[in-house]
Amino acid sequence: MEKSSANILNWLRRICLPEGACAALCASALLAACATPGAAGPDSAATNPSADAQSAAFEDTFRSFSACDAGFFKSLHEHAKTWAEVAPLDTDGDISWIKVENRNVKHKQGRPTIIFSKPPVIAGLKFLSYIDMVEEDDRNFLYFWGFTVEGANADEVEQKLKPLVQDSDRLQKLNNGFTRVEYQVAGSHWLPVGSIMNSPDPGKPIVMRSFSIDSDKNRGFTLVRCTIMDMTTHAIRKDERPDIDPKDYSEPLQAPVDETVIPANVIESLNAARAGNSLWMPKFKKLSYTYKIKSYSQSKKYLEITNKIETQPNGLLRTIRKDGNDGSYTQWITFGDIVTLAVESKRIFMNHDISVANRLKLQLPTELKPGAVFVSETKMENRPQKTNDTVDHVIWKCEVKERINASTIFPTLAGKADRMACQGPLESNGTRVYLEDLGVFIYLGTPSDDGSITQMNIER
């Protein structure tokens, strides 16, 4: 019997994993069978091969998950029967995914989460739930998916999971956890970031990808997650997140936003509101001005912002504002440089979706005098539309407080200017001045901003 056991162990070393719990389970099960001739007893691991298969399936899927690419969704499909016992799945072709209600968190609180009905145990850790979300703000566009794991000790979780994590040697300690980061530049293959604190050249189009293990001590669990930031091409998304419908991708713009994207009904509403009143028509070709407002940064006392405005053929205005020295900018198609009809932002780590007005209501006074009120209402939608997108309702209301000589705003200006108190989406009680001789609003900030125009160039 001793010789038979030794032969069995040698065979196990060839067919079982070289390390970890799997080899130990195989060995203990078969040795127990060898020790007792005949059938295995009711307490033997050999009587529950399905439990071992389930554990192996969970571990195999986690290995694939740690690469943060399409392999995770293929593994979910391969082991769909096992995962379907703990979470709802959706399937398309050769991939499956854990189905959350709505991964878009732009207009909702919290993280879209599926609580596992029977928490899988992987590497001795209980996996509690799955999170899948897309988050967009003014600087970033993030795909975020992963697991919550019982226990808030990231060091302990990292040690147990490390044998299953792809490129685990590149995990680096950071704050309350560990992170592995790679990036793509201009369509390259994935490149490792040697140091988390040394980011790649920000002047190039970049897509960042990370695998991380972060403890949440307040909630008593650890997040094990993948994140892809700043999508730029469909190829990347298809390779990393094939579970997401292509219509929900953020489309890069092929050309700058211009007046041609404005729907006809919006143009009709605008033309009807200003018909026969030249007061509300632009009277310049190009305008550039810089305004200075108080900075709340300790390094600068004042902040200077330059707007460049061009009149379009249909009387709308295109405004371009640079946001720093890295090539970032925001541009708008507007009425009077106040009512936004389309907007595009191009920044580091920023998708190029645009927002366009699909409805406009406009109330314009026939003359400007103290007490006159300007009101606009627009409904803005993303282009292209994504699943579960909402429509933003934007209202501007400005009241004329006083009429002054435009030269008090800037010495070279002629005619009258109307100082208005405005309430809108960006600031409350902000001061804007309407320059009648130019047919454009100029922003001077809120009362606490101490704003003023420092430079102005006009091409009639």
Protein backbone atom coordinates (compact mmCIF):
# COMPACT_ATOMS: atom_id res chain seq x y z
CA MET A 1 0.00 0.00 0.00
CA GLU A 2 2.84 2.43 0.80
CA LYS A 3 4.29 1.87 -2.69
CA SER A 4 0.88 2.41 -4.30
CA SER A 5 0.41 5.64 -2.34
CA ALA A 6 3.81 6.91 -3.49
CA ASN A 7 2.96 6.14 -7.12
CA ILE A 8 -0.36 7.94 -6.77
CA LEU A 9 1.34 11.01 -5.28
CA ASN A 10 3.82 11.13 -8.16
CA TRP A 11 0.94 10.97 -10.59
CA LEU A 12 -0.85 13.77 -8.71
CA ARG A 13 2.19 16.01 -9.03
CA ARG A 14 1.88 15.73 -12.81
CA ILE A 15 -1.89 16.33 -13.17
CA CYS A 16 -2.62 18.77 -10.32
CA LEU A 17 -1.69 22.39 -10.09
CA PRO A 18 1.95 22.85 -9.02
CA GLU A 19 0.93 24.75 -5.91
CA GLY A 20 -2.11 25.88 -3.96
CA ALA A 21 -5.13 24.18 -2.48
CA CYS A 22 -6.05 22.12 -5.53
CA ALA A 23 -3.05 19.77 -5.31
CA ALA A 24 -3.56 19.35 -1.60
CA LEU A 25 -7.21 18.46 -2.08
CA CYS A 26 -6.39 15.94 -4.80
CA ALA A 27 -3.71 14.34 -2.66
CA SER A 28 -5.78 14.11 0.51
CA ALA A 29 -8.76 12.67 -1.35
CA LEU A 30 -6.84 9.93 -3.15
CA LEU A 31 -4.68 9.01 -0.17
CA ALA A 32 -7.82 8.66 1.90
CA ALA A 33 -9.21 6.32 -0.75
CA CYS A 34 -5.98 4.31 -0.76
CA ALA A 35 -5.94 4.02 3.00
CA THR A 36 -9.32 2.33 3.06
CA PRO A 37 -9.92 -0.42 0.49
CA GLY A 38 -13.24 -0.22 -1.32
CA ALA A 39 -15.54 2.78 -1.57
CA ALA A 40 -14.68 6.03 0.13
CA GLY A 41 -16.44 6.92 3.38
CA PRO A 42 -19.19 9.57 3.62
CA ASP A 43 -16.81 12.20 5.08
CA SER A 44 -14.21 11.83 2.35
CA ALA A 45 -13.63 14.74 -0.08
CA ALA A 46 -13.82 12.17 -2.87
CA THR A 47 -17.59 11.93 -2.30
CA ASN A 48 -18.05 15.62 -3.27
CA PRO A 49 -16.24 16.14 -6.59
CA SER A 50 -18.78 18.84 -7.59
CA ALA A 51 -17.57 21.10 -4.76
CA ASP A 52 -14.01 20.81 -6.02
CA ALA A 53 -15.13 21.53 -9.59
CA GLN A 54 -17.10 24.57 -8.42
CA SER A 55 -14.12 25.91 -6.48
CA ALA A 56 -11.85 25.39 -9.49
CA ALA A 57 -14.35 27.20 -11.74
CA PHE A 58 -14.47 30.21 -9.42
CA GLU A 59 -10.67 30.36 -9.23
CA ASP A 60 -10.30 30.01 -12.99
CA THR A 61 -12.71 32.91 -13.56
CA PHE A 62 -10.89 35.07 -11.02
CA ARG A 63 -7.57 34.42 -12.76
CA SER A 64 -9.14 35.66 -15.98
CA PHE A 65 -10.73 38.62 -14.22
CA SER A 66 -7.37 39.80 -12.86
CA ALA A 67 -6.17 40.46 -16.43
CA CYS A 68 -8.92 43.11 -16.76
CA ASP A 69 -9.83 42.10 -20.30
CA ALA A 70 -12.37 40.08 -22.27
CA GLY A 71 -11.05 36.80 -20.84
CA PHE A 72 -13.14 37.36 -17.70
CA PHE A 73 -16.38 37.37 -19.67
CA LYS A 74 -15.34 34.31 -21.68
CA SER A 75 -14.56 32.48 -18.44
CA LEU A 76 -17.95 33.45 -17.00
CA HIS A 77 -19.47 31.90 -20.12
CA GLU A 78 -17.35 28.75 -19.83
CA HIS A 79 -18.39 28.34 -16.20
CA ALA A 80 -21.87 29.82 -16.60
CA LYS A 81 -23.60 26.91 -14.84
CA THR A 82 -21.47 27.45 -11.72
CA TRP A 83 -21.80 31.26 -11.66
CA ALA A 84 -25.54 31.14 -12.39
CA GLU A 85 -25.99 29.52 -8.98
CA VAL A 86 -24.75 32.68 -7.24
CA ALA A 87 -25.73 35.59 -9.55
CA PRO A 88 -27.91 36.45 -12.57
CA LEU A 89 -26.08 36.15 -15.91
CA ASP A 90 -26.64 37.52 -19.39
CA THR A 91 -25.11 35.87 -22.45
CA ASP A 92 -24.19 36.90 -25.98
CA GLY A 93 -22.28 34.49 -28.21
CA ASP A 94 -19.20 33.21 -26.36
CA ILE A 95 -19.34 35.68 -23.46
CA SER A 96 -21.45 36.03 -20.32
CA TRP A 97 -21.60 38.72 -17.67
CA ILE A 98 -23.09 39.30 -14.26
CA LYS A 99 -26.13 41.48 -14.85
CA VAL A 100 -26.55 44.63 -12.77
CA GLU A 101 -29.70 46.73 -13.12
CA ASN A 102 -28.02 49.81 -14.64
CA ARG A 103 -24.28 50.37 -14.81
CA ASN A 104 -24.64 54.08 -15.66
CA VAL A 105 -24.19 56.01 -12.39
CA LYS A 106 -24.15 59.52 -13.88
CA HIS A 107 -27.52 60.38 -12.36
CA LYS A 108 -27.81 58.04 -9.40
CA GLN A 109 -26.28 57.41 -6.01
CA GLY A 110 -24.15 54.44 -5.03
CA ARG A 111 -22.67 51.62 -7.07
CA PRO A 112 -24.74 49.22 -9.20
CA THR A 113 -24.27 45.98 -7.27
CA ILE A 114 -25.36 42.34 -7.33
CA ILE A 115 -25.24 40.62 -3.92
CA PHE A 116 -24.24 36.97 -4.35
CA SER A 117 -26.94 34.59 -3.18
CA LYS A 118 -24.28 32.04 -2.20
CA PRO A 119 -20.95 33.88 -1.82
CA PRO A 120 -18.17 32.08 -3.73
CA VAL A 121 -15.04 31.27 -1.75
CA ILE A 122 -11.86 31.93 -3.70
CA ALA A 123 -8.41 31.44 -2.18
CA GLY A 124 -10.07 31.14 1.22
CA LEU A 125 -11.83 34.51 0.85
CA LYS A 126 -15.57 35.00 0.74
CA PHE A 127 -16.65 37.09 -2.27
CA LEU A 128 -19.76 39.06 -1.26
CA SER A 129 -20.92 40.97 -4.34
CA TYR A 130 -20.17 42.17 -7.87
CA ILE A 131 -20.04 45.82 -8.94
CA ASP A 132 -20.28 47.08 -12.54
CA MET A 133 -20.53 50.76 -13.31
CA VAL A 134 -19.71 53.51 -15.78
CA GLU A 135 -18.99 56.90 -14.30
CA GLU A 136 -18.52 60.19 -16.11
CA ASP A 137 -17.54 63.57 -14.74
CA ASP A 138 -15.99 66.71 -16.14
CA ARG A 139 -12.51 65.17 -16.34
CA ASN A 140 -12.83 61.42 -16.67
CA PHE A 141 -14.80 58.56 -18.18
CA LEU A 142 -14.42 55.34 -16.19
CA TYR A 143 -15.39 51.70 -16.60
CA PHE A 144 -15.27 50.03 -13.20
CA TRP A 145 -16.04 46.37 -12.44
CA GLY A 146 -15.06 43.97 -9.67
CA PHE A 147 -15.88 42.29 -6.39
CA THR A 148 -16.32 43.10 -2.72
CA VAL A 149 -14.48 40.63 -0.51
CA GLU A 150 -15.16 39.99 3.16
CA GLY A 151 -12.63 41.65 5.48
CA ALA A 152 -10.98 45.05 5.35
CA ASN A 153 -7.34 43.95 5.52
CA ALA A 154 -5.95 44.60 2.03
CA ASP A 155 -2.57 43.09 2.93
CA GLU A 156 -4.18 39.80 3.89
CA VAL A 157 -6.44 39.77 0.82
CA GLU A 158 -3.49 40.54 -1.46
CA GLN A 159 -1.41 37.72 0.00
CA LYS A 160 -4.18 35.17 -0.52
CA LEU A 161 -5.13 36.30 -4.02
CA LYS A 162 -1.63 36.99 -5.32
CA PRO A 163 -1.02 33.46 -6.68
CA LEU A 164 -4.12 33.90 -8.87
CA VAL A 165 -3.42 37.45 -10.09
CA GLN A 166 -1.90 38.04 -13.52
CA ASP A 167 1.39 39.96 -13.40
CA SER A 168 1.19 39.98 -9.62
CA ASP A 169 4.85 40.98 -9.45
CA ARG A 170 3.79 44.43 -10.68
CA LEU A 171 1.36 45.03 -7.83
CA GLN A 172 2.49 48.10 -5.91
CA LYS A 173 1.52 49.23 -2.45
CA LEU A 174 -0.55 52.42 -2.59
CA ASN A 175 -2.45 54.01 0.32
CA ASN A 176 -4.91 51.39 1.61
CA GLY A 177 -4.17 48.74 -0.95
CA PHE A 178 -2.32 47.49 -4.01
CA THR A 179 -2.49 48.50 -7.67
CA ARG A 180 -1.15 47.31 -11.01
CA VAL A 181 -1.36 49.88 -13.79
CA GLU A 182 -0.84 49.73 -17.55
CA TYR A 183 -1.65 52.13 -20.35
CA GLN A 184 -1.99 52.49 -24.10
CA VAL A 185 -0.69 55.44 -26.09
CA ALA A 186 -2.08 56.13 -29.58
CA GLY A 187 -3.24 52.54 -30.10
CA SER A 188 -0.14 50.76 -28.79
CA HIS A 189 -0.31 47.47 -26.91
CA TRP A 190 -0.69 47.66 -23.14
CA LEU A 191 2.45 49.06 -21.49
CA PRO A 192 3.26 48.68 -17.78
CA VAL A 193 3.60 51.78 -15.65
CA GLY A 194 6.75 51.22 -13.64
CA SER A 195 5.76 53.63 -10.92
CA ILE A 196 2.19 54.57 -10.10
CA MET A 197 3.29 58.08 -9.21
CA ASN A 198 5.03 58.66 -12.58
CA SER A 199 2.26 59.05 -15.16
CA PRO A 200 2.89 58.78 -18.91
CA ASP A 201 3.21 61.76 -21.24
CA PRO A 202 -0.12 63.64 -20.81
CA GLY A 203 0.19 65.23 -24.22
CA LYS A 204 -0.72 61.99 -26.02
CA PRO A 205 -4.10 60.22 -26.14
CA ILE A 206 -3.97 57.75 -23.29
CA VAL A 207 -6.09 54.91 -21.99
CA MET A 208 -5.29 53.73 -18.46
CA ARG A 209 -6.12 50.30 -17.07
CA SER A 210 -5.64 49.13 -13.51
CA PHE A 211 -6.23 46.14 -11.28
CA SER A 212 -6.45 47.07 -7.62
CA ILE A 213 -7.11 45.71 -4.14
CA ASP A 214 -8.38 48.43 -1.79
CA SER A 215 -9.66 48.08 1.75
CA ASP A 216 -12.78 49.94 2.87
CA LYS A 217 -12.38 49.87 6.63
CA ASN A 218 -15.52 51.91 7.24
CA ARG A 219 -17.67 49.27 5.53
CA GLY A 220 -15.60 46.29 6.56
CA PHE A 221 -14.76 44.87 3.13
CA THR A 222 -12.12 45.02 0.42
CA LEU A 223 -12.70 46.06 -3.19
CA VAL A 224 -10.98 43.91 -5.80
CA ARG A 225 -11.58 45.74 -9.04
CA CYS A 226 -10.60 46.58 -12.60
CA THR A 227 -10.78 50.12 -13.92
CA ILE A 228 -10.38 51.40 -17.47
CA MET A 229 -10.21 55.16 -17.79
CA ASP A 230 -10.67 57.42 -20.80
CA MET A 231 -11.85 55.30 -23.67
CA THR A 232 -10.73 56.49 -27.09
CA THR A 233 -11.36 53.68 -29.57
CA HIS A 234 -13.89 50.90 -30.08
CA ALA A 235 -11.08 48.34 -30.43
CA ILE A 236 -10.03 48.85 -26.83
CA ARG A 237 -13.55 48.54 -25.52
CA LYS A 238 -14.24 45.43 -27.55
CA ASP A 239 -11.05 43.80 -26.27
CA GLU A 240 -11.63 44.72 -22.64
CA ARG A 241 -15.42 45.04 -22.19
CA PRO A 242 -17.23 43.03 -24.89
CA ASP A 243 -20.25 42.81 -22.58
CA ILE A 244 -21.14 46.48 -23.14
CA ASP A 245 -23.40 47.32 -26.06
CA PRO A 246 -21.46 49.37 -28.64
CA LYS A 247 -24.19 52.04 -28.64
CA ASP A 248 -23.23 52.82 -25.03
CA TYR A 249 -19.62 53.58 -25.93
CA SER A 250 -18.44 57.15 -25.88
CA GLU A 251 -17.89 58.11 -29.53
CA PRO A 252 -14.79 60.16 -30.39
CA LEU A 253 -15.68 63.16 -32.49
CA GLN A 254 -14.38 63.06 -36.04
CA ALA A 255 -14.82 66.83 -36.45
CA PRO A 256 -15.33 69.79 -34.13
CA VAL A 257 -18.86 70.55 -33.03
CA ASP A 258 -20.44 73.28 -35.18
CA GLU A 259 -23.81 74.86 -35.83
CA THR A 260 -24.84 72.05 -38.21
CA VAL A 261 -25.57 69.73 -35.27
CA ILE A 262 -28.31 72.03 -33.91
CA PRO A 263 -31.80 70.61 -34.65
CA ALA A 264 -34.02 72.65 -36.99
CA ASN A 265 -36.75 73.14 -34.36
CA VAL A 266 -34.21 74.82 -32.04
CA ILE A 267 -33.07 77.21 -34.78
CA GLU A 268 -36.71 78.01 -35.58
CA SER A 269 -37.44 78.86 -31.93
CA LEU A 270 -34.39 81.12 -31.77
CA ASN A 271 -35.21 82.95 -35.00
CA ALA A 272 -38.82 83.48 -33.92
CA ALA A 273 -37.72 84.98 -30.58
CA ARG A 274 -35.30 87.51 -32.10
CA ALA A 275 -37.19 88.23 -35.34
CA GLY A 276 -37.19 91.93 -36.28
CA ASN A 277 -34.98 92.90 -33.33
CA SER A 278 -31.36 93.55 -34.27
CA LEU A 279 -30.58 94.11 -30.58
CA TRP A 280 -30.07 90.34 -30.22
CA MET A 281 -27.96 89.77 -33.34
CA PRO A 282 -24.13 89.56 -33.18
CA LYS A 283 -22.34 92.52 -34.80
CA PHE A 284 -18.78 91.19 -35.06
CA LYS A 285 -16.83 88.49 -36.86
CA LYS A 286 -14.37 87.59 -34.11
CA LEU A 287 -14.01 88.58 -30.48
CA SER A 288 -11.33 87.59 -27.98
CA TYR A 289 -11.28 88.73 -24.38
CA THR A 290 -9.56 87.79 -21.15
CA TYR A 291 -11.22 88.22 -17.79
CA LYS A 292 -9.61 88.04 -14.39
CA ILE A 293 -11.34 86.67 -11.32
CA LYS A 294 -10.17 85.96 -7.83
CA SER A 295 -8.44 82.59 -7.48
CA TYR A 296 -9.14 80.34 -4.54
CA SER A 297 -5.82 78.59 -5.02
CA GLN A 298 -3.06 79.43 -2.57
CA SER A 299 -0.53 79.62 -5.41
CA LYS A 300 -2.38 82.34 -7.37
CA LYS A 301 -4.21 85.47 -6.30
CA TYR A 302 -6.12 85.80 -9.58
CA LEU A 303 -7.13 83.44 -12.38
CA GLU A 304 -7.19 84.64 -16.01
CA ILE A 305 -9.44 82.97 -18.57
CA THR A 306 -9.50 83.75 -22.30
CA ASN A 307 -12.58 83.26 -24.48
CA LYS A 308 -12.41 83.33 -28.28
CA ILE A 309 -15.74 83.87 -30.04
CA GLU A 310 -16.60 83.63 -33.75
CA THR A 311 -19.93 84.48 -35.36
CA GLN A 312 -21.38 81.62 -37.41
CA PRO A 313 -23.37 82.02 -40.68
CA ASN A 314 -26.73 81.56 -38.91
CA GLY A 315 -26.01 84.16 -36.21
CA LEU A 316 -24.96 81.69 -33.54
CA LEU A 317 -21.64 82.04 -31.77
CA ARG A 318 -18.81 79.53 -31.43
CA THR A 319 -16.86 80.07 -28.23
CA ILE A 320 -13.56 78.33 -27.53
CA ARG A 321 -11.87 78.45 -24.15
CA LYS A 322 -8.49 76.91 -23.40
CA ASP A 323 -8.28 75.03 -20.11
CA GLY A 324 -4.57 74.95 -19.36
CA ASN A 325 -1.37 74.37 -21.32
CA ASP A 326 -1.94 70.72 -22.25
CA GLY A 327 -4.12 71.18 -25.34
CA SER A 328 -7.36 70.92 -23.38
CA TYR A 329 -10.26 73.14 -24.37
CA THR A 330 -14.01 73.51 -24.22
CA GLN A 331 -16.09 74.86 -27.07
CA TRP A 332 -19.71 75.88 -27.28
CA ILE A 333 -22.24 76.82 -29.92
CA THR A 334 -24.41 79.43 -28.22
CA PHE A 335 -26.92 82.19 -28.55
CA GLY A 336 -25.28 85.37 -27.27
CA ASP A 337 -22.55 83.40 -25.50
CA ILE A 338 -25.00 82.57 -22.74
CA VAL A 339 -27.54 79.99 -23.97
CA THR A 340 -25.71 76.77 -24.82
CA LEU A 341 -27.03 74.89 -27.85
CA ALA A 342 -24.09 72.46 -28.20
CA VAL A 343 -20.96 71.84 -26.16
CA GLU A 344 -17.81 69.73 -26.56
CA SER A 345 -14.90 69.28 -24.16
CA LYS A 346 -11.48 67.98 -25.10
CA ARG A 347 -9.27 67.33 -22.13
CA ILE A 348 -6.64 64.87 -20.97
CA PHE A 349 -8.42 61.61 -20.14
CA MET A 350 -11.70 62.83 -21.60
CA ASN A 351 -14.18 61.23 -23.96
CA HIS A 352 -15.43 63.36 -26.83
CA ASP A 353 -19.18 63.08 -26.41
CA ILE A 354 -21.11 66.24 -27.11
CA SER A 355 -24.32 67.62 -25.69
CA VAL A 356 -26.89 69.26 -27.97
CA ALA A 357 -30.11 71.16 -27.27
CA ASN A 358 -33.20 69.39 -28.60
CA ARG A 359 -35.67 72.03 -27.39
CA LEU A 360 -35.48 75.77 -26.78
CA LYS A 361 -37.84 78.31 -25.23
CA LEU A 362 -36.64 81.91 -25.33
CA GLN A 363 -38.12 85.10 -23.91
CA LEU A 364 -36.30 88.21 -25.13
CA PRO A 365 -37.25 91.78 -24.13
CA THR A 366 -37.68 94.18 -27.04
CA GLU A 367 -35.54 96.75 -25.23
CA LEU A 368 -33.13 96.65 -22.35
CA LYS A 369 -33.82 98.80 -19.31
CA PRO A 370 -33.71 98.20 -15.56
CA GLY A 371 -36.17 95.47 -14.64
CA ALA A 372 -36.23 93.85 -18.10
CA VAL A 373 -35.94 90.06 -17.91
CA PHE A 374 -34.24 87.59 -20.25
CA VAL A 375 -35.31 83.93 -19.85
CA SER A 376 -34.21 80.79 -21.69
CA GLU A 377 -35.01 77.11 -21.22
CA THR A 378 -33.18 74.35 -23.06
CA LYS A 379 -33.28 70.59 -22.92
CA MET A 380 -29.86 69.04 -23.59
CA GLU A 381 -29.15 65.45 -24.64
CA ASN A 382 -25.94 63.53 -25.24
CA ARG A 383 -24.78 62.72 -28.76
CA PRO A 384 -24.76 59.85 -29.33
CA GLN A 385 -27.46 58.74 -26.92
CA LYS A 386 -26.59 55.95 -24.50
CA THR A 387 -28.79 53.54 -22.60
CA ASN A 388 -30.45 55.21 -19.58
CA ASP A 389 -29.22 58.68 -20.52
CA THR A 390 -31.33 61.50 -19.13
CA VAL A 391 -32.18 64.92 -20.57
CA ASP A 392 -30.76 67.95 -18.76
CA HIS A 393 -33.15 70.85 -18.28
CA VAL A 394 -31.18 74.12 -18.26
CA ILE A 395 -32.75 77.47 -17.30
CA TRP A 396 -31.22 80.93 -17.49
CA LYS A 397 -32.88 84.00 -15.99
CA CYS A 398 -31.22 87.40 -16.14
CA GLU A 399 -32.59 90.75 -14.95
CA VAL A 400 -31.22 94.10 -16.06
CA LYS A 401 -29.99 96.03 -13.02
CA GLU A 402 -28.49 99.10 -14.70
CA ARG A 403 -27.46 100.53 -18.06
CA ILE A 404 -23.92 101.85 -18.21
CA ASN A 405 -21.42 103.03 -20.78
CA ALA A 406 -19.60 100.00 -22.25
CA SER A 407 -16.30 101.87 -21.88
CA THR A 408 -16.53 101.35 -18.12
CA ILE A 409 -16.17 97.62 -18.81
CA PHE A 410 -13.21 98.08 -21.16
CA PRO A 411 -11.89 101.41 -22.52
CA THR A 412 -12.16 100.59 -26.26
CA LEU A 413 -15.80 99.50 -26.12
CA ALA A 414 -18.51 101.75 -27.56
CA GLY A 415 -22.22 102.10 -26.89
CA LYS A 416 -24.24 100.91 -23.94
CA ALA A 417 -23.81 97.88 -21.71
CA ASP A 418 -26.51 96.30 -19.57
CA ARG A 419 -25.35 94.89 -16.25
CA MET A 420 -27.49 91.89 -15.38
CA ALA A 421 -27.90 89.65 -12.35
CA CYS A 422 -28.15 86.12 -13.71
CA GLN A 423 -29.10 82.77 -12.27
CA GLY A 424 -28.28 79.70 -14.28
CA PRO A 425 -26.65 76.27 -14.20
CA LEU A 426 -23.08 77.41 -13.53
CA GLU A 427 -23.38 80.20 -11.03
CA SER A 428 -25.97 81.85 -8.79
CA ASN A 429 -26.29 85.64 -8.80
CA GLY A 430 -23.39 85.88 -11.26
CA THR A 431 -22.88 89.18 -13.09
CA ARG A 432 -23.08 89.29 -16.86
CA VAL A 433 -22.96 92.33 -19.05
CA TYR A 434 -24.71 92.52 -22.42
CA LEU A 435 -22.76 94.66 -24.89
CA GLU A 436 -25.40 96.14 -27.19
CA ASP A 437 -22.88 97.35 -29.76
CA LEU A 438 -21.55 93.79 -30.19
CA GLY A 439 -24.62 91.67 -29.41
CA VAL A 440 -22.92 89.41 -26.88
CA PHE A 441 -22.89 88.66 -23.15
CA ILE A 442 -19.64 89.04 -21.18
CA TYR A 443 -19.20 87.19 -17.90
CA LEU A 444 -17.70 89.09 -14.95
CA GLY A 445 -18.10 86.44 -12.25
CA THR A 446 -19.94 86.52 -8.94
CA PRO A 447 -19.71 89.49 -6.56
CA SER A 448 -17.00 87.74 -4.54
CA ASP A 449 -14.90 87.05 -7.68
CA ASP A 450 -13.82 90.69 -8.11
CA GLY A 451 -13.89 90.14 -11.88
CA SER A 452 -12.65 92.50 -14.60
CA ILE A 453 -11.75 92.47 -18.31
CA THR A 454 -7.98 92.74 -18.88
CA GLN A 455 -7.76 92.34 -22.67
CA MET A 456 -10.15 92.58 -25.63
CA ASN A 457 -9.71 92.27 -29.42
CA ILE A 458 -12.59 92.82 -31.85
CA GLU A 459 -12.85 92.13 -35.58
CA ARG A 460 -15.94 93.79 -37.02
